[in-house]
Amino acid sequence: MKAKLLTSVCVAAILLGGATPSFADDGDPLVIIADVVAVRPGCFVATAIGSAFFVVSFPFALLSKSVKRTADTLVVKPAQATFTRPLGDMEALQ
């Protein structure tokens, strides 16, 4: 049991040894603060408003067979910008 654990730890250390420099972020603290204070709440509001517009436009999108495209534009992209985008990553908004 000890040998398996020691082997697993060694393999993990070797594999993750180079991960730190590649994932390092030297982001500007002011950009991160602006993201938390202004951009994220704005994206959240855009998600809520987009969801409301999606509900209204759903019958038309269903008739034109564009539900996925409409949902992506009005709900999914703003939600991703709000909840899954890394802090301070403003390039993902474009």
PDB file of N, CA and C in Angstrom:
ATOM      1  N   MET A   1       0.818  -1.193   0.000  1.00  0.00           N
ATOM      2  CA  MET A   1       0.000   0.000   0.000  1.00  0.00           C
ATOM      3  C   MET A   1       0.868   1.266   0.000  1.00  0.00           C
ATOM      4  N   LYS A   2       1.933   1.251   0.809  1.00  0.00           N
ATOM      5  CA  LYS A   2       2.815   2.407   0.874  1.00  0.00           C
ATOM      6  C   LYS A   2       3.510   2.639  -0.466  1.00  0.00           C
ATOM      7  N   ALA A   3       3.866   1.559  -1.139  1.00  0.00           N
ATOM      8  CA  ALA A   3       4.563   1.684  -2.419  1.00  0.00           C
ATOM      9  C   ALA A   3       3.662   2.325  -3.474  1.00  0.00           C
ATOM     10  N   LYS A   4       2.385   1.949  -3.486  1.00  0.00           N
ATOM     11  CA  LYS A   4       1.444   2.538  -4.449  1.00  0.00           C
ATOM     12  C   LYS A   4       1.236   4.023  -4.171  1.00  0.00           C
ATOM     13  N   LEU A   5       1.107   4.350  -2.903  1.00  0.00           N
ATOM     14  CA  LEU A   5       0.920   5.756  -2.532  1.00  0.00           C
ATOM     15  C   LEU A   5       2.146   6.580  -2.875  1.00  0.00           C
ATOM     16  N   LEU A   6       3.326   6.060  -2.567  1.00  0.00           N
ATOM     17  CA  LEU A   6       4.571   6.763  -2.868  1.00  0.00           C
ATOM     18  C   LEU A   6       4.746   6.931  -4.379  1.00  0.00           C
ATOM     19  N   THR A   7       4.414   5.893  -5.129  1.00  0.00           N
ATOM     20  CA  THR A   7       4.513   5.977  -6.588  1.00  0.00           C
ATOM     21  C   THR A   7       3.537   7.019  -7.133  1.00  0.00           C
ATOM     22  N   SER A   8       2.309   7.029  -6.621  1.00  0.00           N
ATOM     23  CA  SER A   8       1.307   7.998  -7.074  1.00  0.00           C
ATOM     24  C   SER A   8       1.741   9.430  -6.777  1.00  0.00           C
ATOM     25  N   VAL A   9       2.288   9.645  -5.598  1.00  0.00           N
ATOM     26  CA  VAL A   9       2.747  10.988  -5.214  1.00  0.00           C
ATOM     27  C   VAL A   9       3.904  11.425  -6.104  1.00  0.00           C
ATOM     28  N   CYS A  10       4.819  10.531  -6.385  1.00  0.00           N
ATOM     29  CA  CYS A  10       5.957  10.873  -7.248  1.00  0.00           C
ATOM     30  C   CYS A  10       5.512  11.190  -8.669  1.00  0.00           C
ATOM     31  N   VAL A  11       4.603  10.383  -9.202  1.00  0.00           N
ATOM     32  CA  VAL A  11       4.095  10.636 -10.551  1.00  0.00           C
ATOM     33  C   VAL A  11       3.358  11.972 -10.600  1.00  0.00           C
ATOM     34  N   ALA A  12       2.534  12.251  -9.588  1.00  0.00           N
ATOM     35  CA  ALA A  12       1.815  13.524  -9.550  1.00  0.00           C
ATOM     36  C   ALA A  12       2.783  14.698  -9.450  1.00  0.00           C
ATOM     37  N   ALA A  13       3.823  14.557  -8.655  1.00  0.00           N
ATOM     38  CA  ALA A  13       4.807  15.636  -8.508  1.00  0.00           C
ATOM     39  C   ALA A  13       5.534  15.896  -9.824  1.00  0.00           C
ATOM     40  N   ILE A  14       5.844  14.845 -10.550  1.00  0.00           N
ATOM     41  CA  ILE A  14       6.543  15.014 -11.829  1.00  0.00           C
ATOM     42  C   ILE A  14       5.616  15.658 -12.858  1.00  0.00           C
ATOM     43  N   LEU A  15       4.370  15.189 -12.918  1.00  0.00           N
ATOM     44  CA  LEU A  15       3.431  15.721 -13.906  1.00  0.00           C
ATOM     45  C   LEU A  15       3.029  17.163 -13.614  1.00  0.00           C
ATOM     46  N   LEU A  16       2.860  17.489 -12.353  1.00  0.00           N
ATOM     47  CA  LEU A  16       2.417  18.830 -11.991  1.00  0.00           C
ATOM     48  C   LEU A  16       3.571  19.797 -11.744  1.00  0.00           C
ATOM     49  N   GLY A  17       4.790  19.326 -11.850  1.00  0.00           N
ATOM     50  CA  GLY A  17       5.947  20.180 -11.617  1.00  0.00           C
ATOM     51  C   GLY A  17       6.031  21.353 -12.577  1.00  0.00           C
ATOM     52  N   GLY A  18       5.643  21.152 -13.816  1.00  0.00           N
ATOM     53  CA  GLY A  18       5.684  22.219 -14.802  1.00  0.00           C
ATOM     54  C   GLY A  18       4.391  22.974 -14.939  1.00  0.00           C
ATOM     55  N   ALA A  19       3.370  22.630 -14.163  1.00  0.00           N
ATOM     56  CA  ALA A  19       2.063  23.263 -14.302  1.00  0.00           C
ATOM     57  C   ALA A  19       2.023  24.674 -13.727  1.00  0.00           C
ATOM     58  N   THR A  20       2.760  24.933 -12.690  1.00  0.00           N
ATOM     59  CA  THR A  20       2.691  26.231 -12.035  1.00  0.00           C
ATOM     60  C   THR A  20       3.105  27.386 -12.941  1.00  0.00           C
ATOM     61  N   PRO A  21       4.228  27.321 -13.644  1.00  0.00           N
ATOM     62  CA  PRO A  21       4.588  28.444 -14.502  1.00  0.00           C
ATOM     63  C   PRO A  21       3.611  28.662 -15.659  1.00  0.00           C
ATOM     64  N   SER A  22       3.032  27.587 -16.182  1.00  0.00           N
ATOM     65  CA  SER A  22       2.154  27.760 -17.326  1.00  0.00           C
ATOM     66  C   SER A  22       0.805  28.345 -16.937  1.00  0.00           C
ATOM     67  N   PHE A  23       0.395  28.186 -15.686  1.00  0.00           N
ATOM     68  CA  PHE A  23      -0.885  28.723 -15.254  1.00  0.00           C
ATOM     69  C   PHE A  23      -0.737  30.010 -14.443  1.00  0.00           C
ATOM     70  N   ALA A  24       0.469  30.505 -14.289  1.00  0.00           N
ATOM     71  CA  ALA A  24       0.682  31.707 -13.503  1.00  0.00           C
ATOM     72  C   ALA A  24       0.043  32.908 -14.187  1.00  0.00           C
ATOM     73  N   ASP A  25      -0.592  33.745 -13.397  1.00  0.00           N
ATOM     74  CA  ASP A  25      -1.256  34.933 -13.923  1.00  0.00           C
ATOM     75  C   ASP A  25      -0.694  36.150 -13.220  1.00  0.00           C
ATOM     76  N   ASP A  26      -0.183  37.077 -14.002  1.00  0.00           N
ATOM     77  CA  ASP A  26       0.349  38.291 -13.423  1.00  0.00           C
ATOM     78  C   ASP A  26      -0.609  39.449 -13.706  1.00  0.00           C
ATOM     79  N   GLY A  27      -1.901  39.187 -13.524  1.00  0.00           N
ATOM     80  CA  GLY A  27      -2.941  40.165 -13.818  1.00  0.00           C
ATOM     81  C   GLY A  27      -2.827  41.397 -12.943  1.00  0.00           C
ATOM     82  N   ASP A  28      -3.300  42.495 -13.479  1.00  0.00           N
ATOM     83  CA  ASP A  28      -3.310  43.756 -12.762  1.00  0.00           C
ATOM     84  C   ASP A  28      -4.399  43.723 -11.698  1.00  0.00           C
ATOM     85  N   PRO A  29      -4.072  44.032 -10.453  1.00  0.00           N
ATOM     86  CA  PRO A  29      -5.085  43.995  -9.393  1.00  0.00           C
ATOM     87  C   PRO A  29      -6.256  44.950  -9.656  1.00  0.00           C
ATOM     88  N   LEU A  30      -5.983  46.079 -10.292  1.00  0.00           N
ATOM     89  CA  LEU A  30      -7.069  47.024 -10.576  1.00  0.00           C
ATOM     90  C   LEU A  30      -8.055  46.452 -11.591  1.00  0.00           C
ATOM     91  N   VAL A  31      -7.557  45.666 -12.540  1.00  0.00           N
ATOM     92  CA  VAL A  31      -8.436  45.031 -13.518  1.00  0.00           C
ATOM     93  C   VAL A  31      -9.317  43.999 -12.826  1.00  0.00           C
ATOM     94  N   ILE A  32      -8.743  43.251 -11.901  1.00  0.00           N
ATOM     95  CA  ILE A  32      -9.520  42.251 -11.169  1.00  0.00           C
ATOM     96  C   ILE A  32     -10.565  42.921 -10.295  1.00  0.00           C
ATOM     97  N   ILE A  33     -10.203  44.008  -9.636  1.00  0.00           N
ATOM     98  CA  ILE A  33     -11.169  44.744  -8.804  1.00  0.00           C
ATOM     99  C   ILE A  33     -12.295  45.305  -9.668  1.00  0.00           C
ATOM    100  N   ALA A  34     -11.946  45.881 -10.815  1.00  0.00           N
ATOM    101  CA  ALA A  34     -12.975  46.400 -11.718  1.00  0.00           C
ATOM    102  C   ALA A  34     -13.881  45.282 -12.220  1.00  0.00           C
ATOM    103  N   ASP A  35     -13.299  44.112 -12.446  1.00  0.00           N
ATOM    104  CA  ASP A  35     -14.092  42.969 -12.886  1.00  0.00           C
ATOM    105  C   ASP A  35     -15.097  42.573 -11.812  1.00  0.00           C
ATOM    106  N   VAL A  36     -14.649  42.503 -10.566  1.00  0.00           N
ATOM    107  CA  VAL A  36     -15.528  42.083  -9.473  1.00  0.00           C
ATOM    108  C   VAL A  36     -16.596  43.138  -9.171  1.00  0.00           C
ATOM    109  N   VAL A  37     -16.211  44.403  -9.205  1.00  0.00           N
ATOM    110  CA  VAL A  37     -17.121  45.471  -8.791  1.00  0.00           C
ATOM    111  C   VAL A  37     -18.098  45.879  -9.889  1.00  0.00           C
ATOM    112  N   ALA A  38     -17.649  45.932 -11.133  1.00  0.00           N
ATOM    113  CA  ALA A  38     -18.505  46.476 -12.194  1.00  0.00           C
ATOM    114  C   ALA A  38     -18.883  45.474 -13.277  1.00  0.00           C
ATOM    115  N   VAL A  39     -17.917  44.724 -13.776  1.00  0.00           N
ATOM    116  CA  VAL A  39     -18.161  43.893 -14.951  1.00  0.00           C
ATOM    117  C   VAL A  39     -19.015  42.672 -14.608  1.00  0.00           C
ATOM    118  N   ARG A  40     -18.696  41.954 -13.536  1.00  0.00           N
ATOM    119  CA  ARG A  40     -19.481  40.770 -13.168  1.00  0.00           C
ATOM    120  C   ARG A  40     -20.939  41.105 -12.876  1.00  0.00           C
ATOM    121  N   PRO A  41     -21.212  42.140 -12.072  1.00  0.00           N
ATOM    122  CA  PRO A  41     -22.624  42.477 -11.870  1.00  0.00           C
ATOM    123  C   PRO A  41     -23.323  42.878 -13.180  1.00  0.00           C
ATOM    124  N   GLY A  42     -22.604  43.561 -14.061  1.00  0.00           N
ATOM    125  CA  GLY A  42     -23.186  43.919 -15.357  1.00  0.00           C
ATOM    126  C   GLY A  42     -23.497  42.696 -16.200  1.00  0.00           C
ATOM    127  N   CYS A  43     -22.596  41.726 -16.172  1.00  0.00           N
ATOM    128  CA  CYS A  43     -22.835  40.475 -16.907  1.00  0.00           C
ATOM    129  C   CYS A  43     -23.999  39.703 -16.292  1.00  0.00           C
ATOM    130  N   PHE A  44     -24.132  39.768 -14.969  1.00  0.00           N
ATOM    131  CA  PHE A  44     -25.256  39.096 -14.314  1.00  0.00           C
ATOM    132  C   PHE A  44     -26.583  39.727 -14.721  1.00  0.00           C
ATOM    133  N   VAL A  45     -26.612  41.051 -14.773  1.00  0.00           N
ATOM    134  CA  VAL A  45     -27.820  41.755 -15.222  1.00  0.00           C
ATOM    135  C   VAL A  45     -28.112  41.415 -16.680  1.00  0.00           C
ATOM    136  N   ALA A  46     -27.071  41.345 -17.509  1.00  0.00           N
ATOM    137  CA  ALA A  46     -27.259  40.970 -18.912  1.00  0.00           C
ATOM    138  C   ALA A  46     -27.814  39.554 -19.036  1.00  0.00           C
ATOM    139  N   THR A  47     -27.389  38.657 -18.153  1.00  0.00           N
ATOM    140  CA  THR A  47     -27.919  37.296 -18.162  1.00  0.00           C
ATOM    141  C   THR A  47     -29.400  37.296 -17.801  1.00  0.00           C
ATOM    142  N   ALA A  48     -29.778  38.067 -16.793  1.00  0.00           N
ATOM    143  CA  ALA A  48     -31.183  38.123 -16.381  1.00  0.00           C
ATOM    144  C   ALA A  48     -32.056  38.745 -17.466  1.00  0.00           C
ATOM    145  N   ILE A  49     -31.600  39.837 -18.048  1.00  0.00           N
ATOM    146  CA  ILE A  49     -32.378  40.494 -19.104  1.00  0.00           C
ATOM    147  C   ILE A  49     -32.428  39.613 -20.347  1.00  0.00           C
ATOM    148  N   GLY A  50     -31.315  38.988 -20.688  1.00  0.00           N
ATOM    149  CA  GLY A  50     -31.291  38.082 -21.828  1.00  0.00           C
ATOM    150  C   GLY A  50     -32.220  36.899 -21.637  1.00  0.00           C
ATOM    151  N   SER A  51     -32.312  36.401 -20.408  1.00  0.00           N
ATOM    152  CA  SER A  51     -33.231  35.298 -20.120  1.00  0.00           C
ATOM    153  C   SER A  51     -34.679  35.729 -20.318  1.00  0.00           C
ATOM    154  N   ALA A  52     -34.996  36.941 -19.884  1.00  0.00           N
ATOM    155  CA  ALA A  52     -36.359  37.443 -20.075  1.00  0.00           C
ATOM    156  C   ALA A  52     -36.675  37.606 -21.559  1.00  0.00           C
ATOM    157  N   PHE A  53     -35.744  38.154 -22.318  1.00  0.00           N
ATOM    158  CA  PHE A  53     -35.959  38.297 -23.759  1.00  0.00           C
ATOM    159  C   PHE A  53     -36.029  36.943 -24.455  1.00  0.00           C
ATOM    160  N   PHE A  54     -35.275  35.970 -23.938  1.00  0.00           N
ATOM    161  CA  PHE A  54     -35.327  34.634 -24.533  1.00  0.00           C
ATOM    162  C   PHE A  54     -36.711  34.006 -24.339  1.00  0.00           C
ATOM    163  N   VAL A  55     -37.285  34.196 -23.164  1.00  0.00           N
ATOM    164  CA  VAL A  55     -38.631  33.662 -22.913  1.00  0.00           C
ATOM    165  C   VAL A  55     -39.639  34.291 -23.870  1.00  0.00           C
ATOM    166  N   VAL A  56     -39.508  35.596 -24.101  1.00  0.00           N
ATOM    167  CA  VAL A  56     -40.427  36.278 -25.022  1.00  0.00           C
ATOM    168  C   VAL A  56     -40.192  35.834 -26.455  1.00  0.00           C
ATOM    169  N   SER A  57     -38.948  35.658 -26.839  1.00  0.00           N
ATOM    170  CA  SER A  57     -38.634  35.322 -28.230  1.00  0.00           C
ATOM    171  C   SER A  57     -38.665  33.828 -28.525  1.00  0.00           C
ATOM    172  N   PHE A  58     -38.881  33.005 -27.512  1.00  0.00           N
ATOM    173  CA  PHE A  58     -38.833  31.558 -27.711  1.00  0.00           C
ATOM    174  C   PHE A  58     -39.811  31.050 -28.778  1.00  0.00           C
ATOM    175  N   PRO A  59     -41.068  31.487 -28.786  1.00  0.00           N
ATOM    176  CA  PRO A  59     -41.963  30.976 -29.841  1.00  0.00           C
ATOM    177  C   PRO A  59     -41.477  31.308 -31.251  1.00  0.00           C
ATOM    178  N   PHE A  60     -40.938  32.496 -31.423  1.00  0.00           N
ATOM    179  CA  PHE A  60     -40.436  32.895 -32.738  1.00  0.00           C
ATOM    180  C   PHE A  60     -39.175  32.110 -33.113  1.00  0.00           C
ATOM    181  N   ALA A  61     -38.322  31.888 -32.123  1.00  0.00           N
ATOM    182  CA  ALA A  61     -37.112  31.095 -32.366  1.00  0.00           C
ATOM    183  C   ALA A  61     -37.477  29.645 -32.678  1.00  0.00           C
ATOM    184  N   LEU A  62     -38.522  29.159 -32.042  1.00  0.00           N
ATOM    185  CA  LEU A  62     -38.969  27.794 -32.302  1.00  0.00           C
ATOM    186  C   LEU A  62     -39.492  27.662 -33.728  1.00  0.00           C
ATOM    187  N   LEU A  63     -40.257  28.648 -34.169  1.00  0.00           N
ATOM    188  CA  LEU A  63     -40.790  28.625 -35.538  1.00  0.00           C
ATOM    189  C   LEU A  63     -39.679  28.735 -36.577  1.00  0.00           C
ATOM    190  N   SER A  64     -38.663  29.513 -36.284  1.00  0.00           N
ATOM    191  CA  SER A  64     -37.573  29.698 -37.252  1.00  0.00           C
ATOM    192  C   SER A  64     -36.436  28.692 -37.051  1.00  0.00           C
ATOM    193  N   LYS A  65     -36.618  27.763 -36.105  1.00  0.00           N
ATOM    194  CA  LYS A  65     -35.627  26.721 -35.814  1.00  0.00           C
ATOM    195  C   LYS A  65     -34.258  27.310 -35.445  1.00  0.00           C
ATOM    196  N   SER A  66     -34.290  28.358 -34.642  1.00  0.00           N
ATOM    197  CA  SER A  66     -33.045  28.991 -34.198  1.00  0.00           C
ATOM    198  C   SER A  66     -32.983  29.099 -32.673  1.00  0.00           C
ATOM    199  N   VAL A  67     -33.542  28.113 -31.980  1.00  0.00           N
ATOM    200  CA  VAL A  67     -33.586  28.156 -30.520  1.00  0.00           C
ATOM    201  C   VAL A  67     -32.176  28.118 -29.931  1.00  0.00           C
ATOM    202  N   LYS A  68     -31.334  27.226 -30.441  1.00  0.00           N
ATOM    203  CA  LYS A  68     -29.971  27.099 -29.899  1.00  0.00           C
ATOM    204  C   LYS A  68     -29.173  28.382 -30.088  1.00  0.00           C
ATOM    205  N   ARG A  69     -29.253  28.960 -31.267  1.00  0.00           N
ATOM    206  CA  ARG A  69     -28.505  30.202 -31.537  1.00  0.00           C
ATOM    207  C   ARG A  69     -29.026  31.350 -30.667  1.00  0.00           C
ATOM    208  N   THR A  70     -30.349  31.419 -30.522  1.00  0.00           N
ATOM    209  CA  THR A  70     -30.947  32.465 -29.698  1.00  0.00           C
ATOM    210  C   THR A  70     -30.563  32.291 -28.231  1.00  0.00           C
ATOM    211  N   ALA A  71     -30.623  31.048 -27.745  1.00  0.00           N
ATOM    212  CA  ALA A  71     -30.251  30.786 -26.351  1.00  0.00           C
ATOM    213  C   ALA A  71     -28.782  31.091 -26.110  1.00  0.00           C
ATOM    214  N   ASP A  72     -27.917  30.712 -27.045  1.00  0.00           N
ATOM    215  CA  ASP A  72     -26.489  30.996 -26.889  1.00  0.00           C
ATOM    216  C   ASP A  72     -26.232  32.496 -26.798  1.00  0.00           C
ATOM    217  N   THR A  73     -26.897  33.249 -27.665  1.00  0.00           N
ATOM    218  CA  THR A  73     -26.664  34.693 -27.704  1.00  0.00           C
ATOM    219  C   THR A  73     -27.228  35.410 -26.485  1.00  0.00           C
ATOM    220  N   LEU A  74     -28.449  35.057 -26.089  1.00  0.00           N
ATOM    221  CA  LEU A  74     -29.126  35.817 -25.042  1.00  0.00           C
ATOM    222  C   LEU A  74     -28.855  35.313 -23.625  1.00  0.00           C
ATOM    223  N   VAL A  75     -28.555  34.024 -23.464  1.00  0.00           N
ATOM    224  CA  VAL A  75     -28.430  33.476 -22.118  1.00  0.00           C
ATOM    225  C   VAL A  75     -27.044  32.874 -21.853  1.00  0.00           C
ATOM    226  N   VAL A  76     -26.584  31.989 -22.723  1.00  0.00           N
ATOM    227  CA  VAL A  76     -25.380  31.207 -22.434  1.00  0.00           C
ATOM    228  C   VAL A  76     -24.128  32.082 -22.393  1.00  0.00           C
ATOM    229  N   LYS A  77     -23.926  32.921 -23.398  1.00  0.00           N
ATOM    230  CA  LYS A  77     -22.700  33.742 -23.417  1.00  0.00           C
ATOM    231  C   LYS A  77     -22.629  34.714 -22.239  1.00  0.00           C
ATOM    232  N   PRO A  78     -23.719  35.430 -21.895  1.00  0.00           N
ATOM    233  CA  PRO A  78     -23.633  36.274 -20.691  1.00  0.00           C
ATOM    234  C   PRO A  78     -23.432  35.474 -19.406  1.00  0.00           C
ATOM    235  N   ALA A  79     -24.043  34.285 -19.327  1.00  0.00           N
ATOM    236  CA  ALA A  79     -23.868  33.463 -18.129  1.00  0.00           C
ATOM    237  C   ALA A  79     -22.426  32.966 -18.020  1.00  0.00           C
ATOM    238  N   GLN A  80     -21.827  32.595 -19.137  1.00  0.00           N
ATOM    239  CA  GLN A  80     -20.421  32.173 -19.109  1.00  0.00           C
ATOM    240  C   GLN A  80     -19.525  33.335 -18.713  1.00  0.00           C
ATOM    241  N   ALA A  81     -19.829  34.525 -19.215  1.00  0.00           N
ATOM    242  CA  ALA A  81     -19.029  35.701 -18.849  1.00  0.00           C
ATOM    243  C   ALA A  81     -19.167  36.015 -17.365  1.00  0.00           C
ATOM    244  N   THR A  82     -20.312  35.670 -16.776  1.00  0.00           N
ATOM    245  CA  THR A  82     -20.530  35.942 -15.364  1.00  0.00           C
ATOM    246  C   THR A  82     -19.910  34.882 -14.474  1.00  0.00           C
ATOM    247  N   PHE A  83     -20.116  33.615 -14.790  1.00  0.00           N
ATOM    248  CA  PHE A  83     -19.813  32.557 -13.834  1.00  0.00           C
ATOM    249  C   PHE A  83     -18.580  31.720 -14.139  1.00  0.00           C
ATOM    250  N   THR A  84     -18.151  31.596 -15.393  1.00  0.00           N
ATOM    251  CA  THR A  84     -17.032  30.696 -15.683  1.00  0.00           C
ATOM    252  C   THR A  84     -15.777  31.400 -16.177  1.00  0.00           C
ATOM    253  N   ARG A  85     -15.858  32.667 -16.485  1.00  0.00           N
ATOM    254  CA  ARG A  85     -14.692  33.404 -16.972  1.00  0.00           C
ATOM    255  C   ARG A  85     -13.747  33.683 -15.806  1.00  0.00           C
ATOM    256  N   PRO A  86     -12.435  33.489 -15.989  1.00  0.00           N
ATOM    257  CA  PRO A  86     -11.476  33.789 -14.924  1.00  0.00           C
ATOM    258  C   PRO A  86     -11.500  35.282 -14.566  1.00  0.00           C
ATOM    259  N   LEU A  87     -11.264  35.577 -13.312  1.00  0.00           N
ATOM    260  CA  LEU A  87     -11.248  36.980 -12.879  1.00  0.00           C
ATOM    261  C   LEU A  87     -10.170  37.761 -13.608  1.00  0.00           C
ATOM    262  N   GLY A  88     -10.538  38.926 -14.092  1.00  0.00           N
ATOM    263  CA  GLY A  88      -9.600  39.804 -14.759  1.00  0.00           C
ATOM    264  C   GLY A  88      -9.396  39.490 -16.231  1.00  0.00           C
ATOM    265  N   ASP A  89     -10.027  38.460 -16.762  1.00  0.00           N
ATOM    266  CA  ASP A  89      -9.870  38.079 -18.164  1.00  0.00           C
ATOM    267  C   ASP A  89     -10.894  38.852 -18.997  1.00  0.00           C
ATOM    268  N   MET A  90     -10.523  40.038 -19.407  1.00  0.00           N
ATOM    269  CA  MET A  90     -11.450  40.885 -20.174  1.00  0.00           C
ATOM    270  C   MET A  90     -11.470  40.510 -21.653  1.00  0.00           C
ATOM    271  N   GLU A  91     -10.463  39.791 -22.123  1.00  0.00           N
ATOM    272  CA  GLU A  91     -10.425  39.399 -23.539  1.00  0.00           C
ATOM    273  C   GLU A  91     -11.537  38.406 -23.862  1.00  0.00           C
ATOM    274  N   ALA A  92     -11.996  37.645 -22.869  1.00  0.00           N
ATOM    275  CA  ALA A  92     -13.064  36.673 -23.107  1.00  0.00           C
ATOM    276  C   ALA A  92     -14.397  37.355 -23.345  1.00  0.00           C
ATOM    277  N   LEU A  93     -14.519  38.622 -23.005  1.00  0.00           N
ATOM    278  CA  LEU A  93     -15.768  39.350 -23.215  1.00  0.00           C
ATOM    279  C   LEU A  93     -15.965  39.756 -24.665  1.00  0.00           C
ATOM    280  N   GLN A  94     -14.912  39.803 -25.426  1.00  0.00           N
ATOM    281  CA  GLN A  94     -15.004  40.275 -26.805  1.00  0.00           C
ATOM    282  C   GLN A  94     -15.473  39.196 -27.734  1.00  0.00           C
TER     283      GLN A  94
END
